[in-house]
Amino acid sequence: MCKDCCKKGGCTMAIIAKILVIVGGINWGLIGLGMLLGSVDGWNVVNMIFGSVSTLEAIIYVLVGVGAVMMIFGCKCGKCINGVCESCAKEEAPKTEGTM
């Protein structure tokens, strides 16, 4: 029995990738806007939040890049391809007993 887990638009990794790409896009938009308005450093929100820890800032940028690549190629899991999670797919699988 499905518990509405199949109606959320993809697997957890696909949702995380979408969020990361949105965060990255907003960050780049703010950087460009800050540069157009004459700010020397721009408005790099990731740098403002994690600038003191450059390794963490780099990891955030890498995760945004991985999210973008995932958005390009798409997720290949059953939930993203078929719209059904694994537990529901097992329940909905047709019975093949008695067929040759």
C-alpha atoms as a PDB file:
ATOM      1  CA  MET A   1       0.000   0.000   0.000  1.00  0.00           C
ATOM      2  CA  CYS A   2       1.444   3.338  -1.037  1.00  0.00           C
ATOM      3  CA  LYS A   3       1.775   5.980   1.644  1.00  0.00           C
ATOM      4  CA  ASP A   4       1.911   8.936  -0.792  1.00  0.00           C
ATOM      5  CA  CYS A   5       5.672   8.531  -1.069  1.00  0.00           C
ATOM      6  CA  CYS A   6       5.444   8.229  -4.866  1.00  0.00           C
ATOM      7  CA  LYS A   7       3.804  11.600  -5.443  1.00  0.00           C
ATOM      8  CA  LYS A   8       6.678  13.837  -4.351  1.00  0.00           C
ATOM      9  CA  GLY A   9       8.419  14.252  -7.713  1.00  0.00           C
ATOM     10  CA  GLY A  10      11.447  12.021  -7.502  1.00  0.00           C
ATOM     11  CA  CYS A  11      13.880  10.395  -5.148  1.00  0.00           C
ATOM     12  CA  THR A  12      15.622  12.182  -2.316  1.00  0.00           C
ATOM     13  CA  MET A  13      18.826  12.659  -4.334  1.00  0.00           C
ATOM     14  CA  ALA A  14      16.909  14.270  -7.208  1.00  0.00           C
ATOM     15  CA  ILE A  15      15.179  16.661  -4.820  1.00  0.00           C
ATOM     16  CA  ILE A  16      18.510  17.565  -3.174  1.00  0.00           C
ATOM     17  CA  ALA A  17      20.037  18.149  -6.620  1.00  0.00           C
ATOM     18  CA  LYS A  18      17.177  20.493  -7.538  1.00  0.00           C
ATOM     19  CA  ILE A  19      17.613  22.449  -4.300  1.00  0.00           C
ATOM     20  CA  LEU A  20      21.382  22.733  -4.828  1.00  0.00           C
ATOM     21  CA  VAL A  21      20.940  23.969  -8.395  1.00  0.00           C
ATOM     22  CA  ILE A  22      18.388  26.551  -7.243  1.00  0.00           C
ATOM     23  CA  VAL A  23      20.716  27.737  -4.456  1.00  0.00           C
ATOM     24  CA  GLY A  24      23.620  27.925  -6.918  1.00  0.00           C
ATOM     25  CA  GLY A  25      21.555  29.845  -9.459  1.00  0.00           C
ATOM     26  CA  ILE A  26      20.378  32.361  -6.890  1.00  0.00           C
ATOM     27  CA  ASN A  27      23.950  32.773  -5.638  1.00  0.00           C
ATOM     28  CA  TRP A  28      25.258  33.444  -9.156  1.00  0.00           C
ATOM     29  CA  GLY A  29      22.404  35.861  -9.797  1.00  0.00           C
ATOM     30  CA  LEU A  30      23.269  37.791  -6.640  1.00  0.00           C
ATOM     31  CA  ILE A  31      26.967  37.838  -7.571  1.00  0.00           C
ATOM     32  CA  GLY A  32      26.116  39.354 -10.956  1.00  0.00           C
ATOM     33  CA  LEU A  33      23.652  41.825  -9.470  1.00  0.00           C
ATOM     34  CA  GLY A  34      26.204  42.914  -6.878  1.00  0.00           C
ATOM     35  CA  MET A  35      28.818  43.443  -9.589  1.00  0.00           C
ATOM     36  CA  LEU A  36      26.400  45.507 -11.689  1.00  0.00           C
ATOM     37  CA  LEU A  37      25.598  47.686  -8.690  1.00  0.00           C
ATOM     38  CA  GLY A  38      29.298  48.387  -8.122  1.00  0.00           C
ATOM     39  CA  SER A  39      30.144  46.037  -5.275  1.00  0.00           C
ATOM     40  CA  VAL A  40      33.774  44.943  -5.561  1.00  0.00           C
ATOM     41  CA  ASP A  41      33.182  41.527  -3.999  1.00  0.00           C
ATOM     42  CA  GLY A  42      29.667  41.030  -5.367  1.00  0.00           C
ATOM     43  CA  TRP A  43      27.021  39.451  -3.188  1.00  0.00           C
ATOM     44  CA  ASN A  44      28.358  35.917  -2.900  1.00  0.00           C
ATOM     45  CA  VAL A  45      26.073  34.510  -0.201  1.00  0.00           C
ATOM     46  CA  VAL A  46      27.979  31.221   0.049  1.00  0.00           C
ATOM     47  CA  ASN A  47      31.188  33.162   0.689  1.00  0.00           C
ATOM     48  CA  MET A  48      29.424  35.393   3.210  1.00  0.00           C
ATOM     49  CA  ILE A  49      28.188  32.371   5.164  1.00  0.00           C
ATOM     50  CA  PHE A  50      31.113  29.949   4.784  1.00  0.00           C
ATOM     51  CA  GLY A  51      33.962  32.313   3.812  1.00  0.00           C
ATOM     52  CA  SER A  52      35.889  31.721   7.007  1.00  0.00           C
ATOM     53  CA  VAL A  53      36.011  27.991   6.241  1.00  0.00           C
ATOM     54  CA  SER A  54      37.282  27.848   2.663  1.00  0.00           C
ATOM     55  CA  THR A  55      37.211  24.047   2.510  1.00  0.00           C
ATOM     56  CA  LEU A  56      33.516  23.986   3.402  1.00  0.00           C
ATOM     57  CA  GLU A  57      32.849  26.707   0.833  1.00  0.00           C
ATOM     58  CA  ALA A  58      34.622  24.617  -1.823  1.00  0.00           C
ATOM     59  CA  ILE A  59      32.587  21.548  -0.857  1.00  0.00           C
ATOM     60  CA  ILE A  60      29.367  23.560  -1.276  1.00  0.00           C
ATOM     61  CA  TYR A  61      30.462  24.624  -4.775  1.00  0.00           C
ATOM     62  CA  VAL A  62      31.339  21.027  -5.701  1.00  0.00           C
ATOM     63  CA  LEU A  63      27.951  19.795  -4.449  1.00  0.00           C
ATOM     64  CA  VAL A  64      26.179  22.447  -6.528  1.00  0.00           C
ATOM     65  CA  GLY A  65      28.188  21.272  -9.552  1.00  0.00           C
ATOM     66  CA  VAL A  66      27.298  17.632  -8.899  1.00  0.00           C
ATOM     67  CA  GLY A  67      23.653  18.649  -8.561  1.00  0.00           C
ATOM     68  CA  ALA A  68      23.832  20.404 -11.935  1.00  0.00           C
ATOM     69  CA  VAL A  69      25.365  17.335 -13.597  1.00  0.00           C
ATOM     70  CA  MET A  70      22.658  15.196 -12.035  1.00  0.00           C
ATOM     71  CA  MET A  71      20.017  17.551 -13.429  1.00  0.00           C
ATOM     72  CA  ILE A  72      21.589  17.273 -16.905  1.00  0.00           C
ATOM     73  CA  PHE A  73      21.704  13.477 -17.011  1.00  0.00           C
ATOM     74  CA  GLY A  74      18.754  12.809 -14.719  1.00  0.00           C
ATOM     75  CA  CYS A  75      18.420  10.223 -12.003  1.00  0.00           C
ATOM     76  CA  LYS A  76      18.173   6.602 -13.124  1.00  0.00           C
ATOM     77  CA  CYS A  77      16.418   5.191 -10.061  1.00  0.00           C
ATOM     78  CA  GLY A  78      13.042   3.483 -10.340  1.00  0.00           C
ATOM     79  CA  LYS A  79      11.182   6.257  -8.558  1.00  0.00           C
ATOM     80  CA  CYS A  80      12.437   8.942 -10.933  1.00  0.00           C
ATOM     81  CA  ILE A  81      11.988   6.845 -14.080  1.00  0.00           C
ATOM     82  CA  ASN A  82       8.689   5.123 -13.274  1.00  0.00           C
ATOM     83  CA  GLY A  83       7.282   7.529 -10.714  1.00  0.00           C
ATOM     84  CA  VAL A  84       7.081   4.710  -8.178  1.00  0.00           C
ATOM     85  CA  CYS A  85       9.289   3.978  -5.182  1.00  0.00           C
ATOM     86  CA  GLU A  86      10.827   0.526  -4.708  1.00  0.00           C
ATOM     87  CA  SER A  87       8.412  -0.592  -1.984  1.00  0.00           C
ATOM     88  CA  CYS A  88       5.363   0.315  -4.071  1.00  0.00           C
ATOM     89  CA  ALA A  89       6.844  -1.237  -7.219  1.00  0.00           C
ATOM     90  CA  LYS A  90       7.211  -4.559  -5.394  1.00  0.00           C
ATOM     91  CA  GLU A  91       3.584  -4.428  -4.282  1.00  0.00           C
ATOM     92  CA  GLU A  92       2.302  -3.496  -7.738  1.00  0.00           C
ATOM     93  CA  ALA A  93       4.436  -6.061  -9.594  1.00  0.00           C
ATOM     94  CA  PRO A  94       2.266  -8.463 -11.597  1.00  0.00           C
ATOM     95  CA  LYS A  95       2.159 -12.037 -10.402  1.00  0.00           C
ATOM     96  CA  THR A  96       3.687 -14.436 -12.938  1.00  0.00           C
ATOM     97  CA  GLU A  97       2.638 -17.703 -11.330  1.00  0.00           C
ATOM     98  CA  GLY A  98       1.220 -20.263 -13.683  1.00  0.00           C
ATOM     99  CA  THR A  99       2.590 -18.713 -16.881  1.00  0.00           C
ATOM    100  CA  MET A 100       5.109 -20.344 -19.168  1.00  0.00           C
END
